[in-house]
């Protein structure tokens, strides 16, 4: 499968996620879990599971507004992971 058809499939799945389709969310997660887990590990290996959970919760809750941004889906999800991870690191820094 080439990159364009993969992105097209991700966009279709993400559109369904934005409409509240839990099966589409599961498919999207299955396709992007490894990449997002790698990003979460790079940010904070000890906190990667927490970042991963927060990332995918954010994607689910905000799917409609994220979909409306009309950006490549994988890049968008990985950006959310980076933002969630950075926010977690910043809040821990304030507690030091």
Protein backbone atom coordinates (compact mmCIF):
# COMPACT_ATOMS: atom_id res chain seq x y z
CA UNK A 1 0.00 0.00 0.00
CA UNK A 2 1.48 3.35 -0.97
CA UNK A 3 1.67 6.41 1.26
CA UNK A 4 -1.24 8.21 -0.43
CA UNK A 5 -3.64 5.29 -0.06
CA UNK A 6 -2.53 4.79 3.54
CA UNK A 7 -3.24 8.46 4.28
CA UNK A 8 -6.57 8.21 2.49
CA UNK A 9 -7.51 5.20 4.63
CA UNK A 10 -6.43 7.03 7.79
CA UNK A 11 -8.51 10.07 6.78
CA UNK A 12 -11.58 7.90 6.25
CA UNK A 13 -11.08 6.19 9.62
CA UNK A 14 -10.48 9.55 11.31
CA UNK A 15 -13.66 10.97 9.77
CA UNK A 16 -15.58 8.09 11.32
CA UNK A 17 -13.83 8.61 14.66
CA UNK A 18 -14.90 12.25 14.53
CA UNK A 19 -18.48 11.00 14.19
CA UNK A 20 -18.08 8.81 17.30
CA UNK A 21 -17.38 5.44 15.68
CA UNK A 22 -15.52 3.33 18.27
CA UNK A 23 -14.61 0.63 15.75
CA UNK A 24 -12.96 3.24 13.53
CA UNK A 25 -11.09 4.51 16.59
CA UNK A 26 -9.85 0.98 17.23
CA UNK A 27 -8.65 0.70 13.61
CA UNK A 28 -6.93 4.09 13.79
CA UNK A 29 -5.26 3.12 17.06
CA UNK A 30 -4.10 -0.21 15.62
CA UNK A 31 -2.53 1.57 12.65
CA UNK A 32 -0.77 4.29 14.66
CA UNK A 33 -0.09 2.70 18.05
CA UNK A 34 3.51 1.69 17.31
CA UNK A 35 4.50 5.10 15.97
CA UNK A 36 2.79 6.97 18.81
CA UNK A 37 4.28 4.62 21.43
CA UNK A 38 7.75 5.30 20.01
CA UNK A 39 7.21 9.05 20.31
CA UNK A 40 5.92 8.65 23.87
CA UNK A 41 9.00 6.57 24.75
CA UNK A 42 11.33 9.20 23.29
CA UNK A 43 9.67 11.88 25.40
CA UNK A 44 9.66 10.00 28.70
CA UNK A 45 10.39 6.28 28.84
CA UNK A 46 9.15 6.01 32.42
CA UNK A 47 5.93 7.89 31.67
CA UNK A 48 5.26 6.56 28.18
CA UNK A 49 2.13 4.62 29.14
CA UNK A 50 0.61 7.70 30.80
CA UNK A 51 1.47 9.85 27.77
CA UNK A 52 0.09 7.21 25.41
CA UNK A 53 -3.20 7.03 27.31
CA UNK A 54 -3.52 10.82 27.47
CA UNK A 55 -2.70 11.11 23.77
CA UNK A 56 -5.37 8.70 22.63
CA UNK A 57 -7.95 10.06 25.06
CA UNK A 58 -7.27 13.52 23.62
CA UNK A 59 -7.62 12.19 20.07
CA UNK A 60 -10.97 10.55 20.92
CA UNK A 61 -12.42 13.56 22.75
CA UNK A 62 -11.19 16.10 20.19
CA UNK A 63 -11.48 14.03 17.00
CA UNK A 64 -13.94 16.36 15.27
CA UNK A 65 -11.80 19.47 15.72
CA UNK A 66 -8.61 17.57 14.88
CA UNK A 67 -10.21 16.17 11.73
CA UNK A 68 -11.29 19.66 10.71
CA UNK A 69 -7.64 20.76 10.73
CA UNK A 70 -7.24 18.72 7.53
CA UNK A 71 -3.65 17.68 8.26
CA UNK A 72 -2.02 14.29 7.65
CA UNK A 73 -3.47 11.98 10.29
CA UNK A 74 -0.28 10.28 11.45
CA UNK A 75 1.56 13.60 11.77
CA UNK A 76 -1.40 15.02 13.67
CA UNK A 77 -1.57 12.15 16.17
CA UNK A 78 2.19 12.21 16.72
CA UNK A 79 2.01 15.97 17.26
CA UNK A 80 -0.64 15.40 19.93
CA UNK A 81 1.66 12.86 21.60
CA UNK A 82 4.53 15.35 21.61
CA UNK A 83 2.31 18.11 23.00
CA UNK A 84 0.85 15.86 25.71
CA UNK A 85 4.32 14.64 26.64
CA UNK A 86 5.74 18.16 26.76
CA UNK A 87 2.84 19.35 28.91
CA UNK A 88 3.47 16.48 31.33
CA UNK A 89 7.18 17.25 31.53
CA UNK A 90 6.49 20.94 32.10
CA UNK A 91 4.03 20.25 34.91
CA UNK A 92 6.55 17.92 36.62
CA UNK A 93 9.24 20.61 36.27
CA UNK A 94 7.02 23.08 38.09
CA UNK A 95 6.64 20.61 40.95
CA UNK A 96 10.39 20.26 41.51
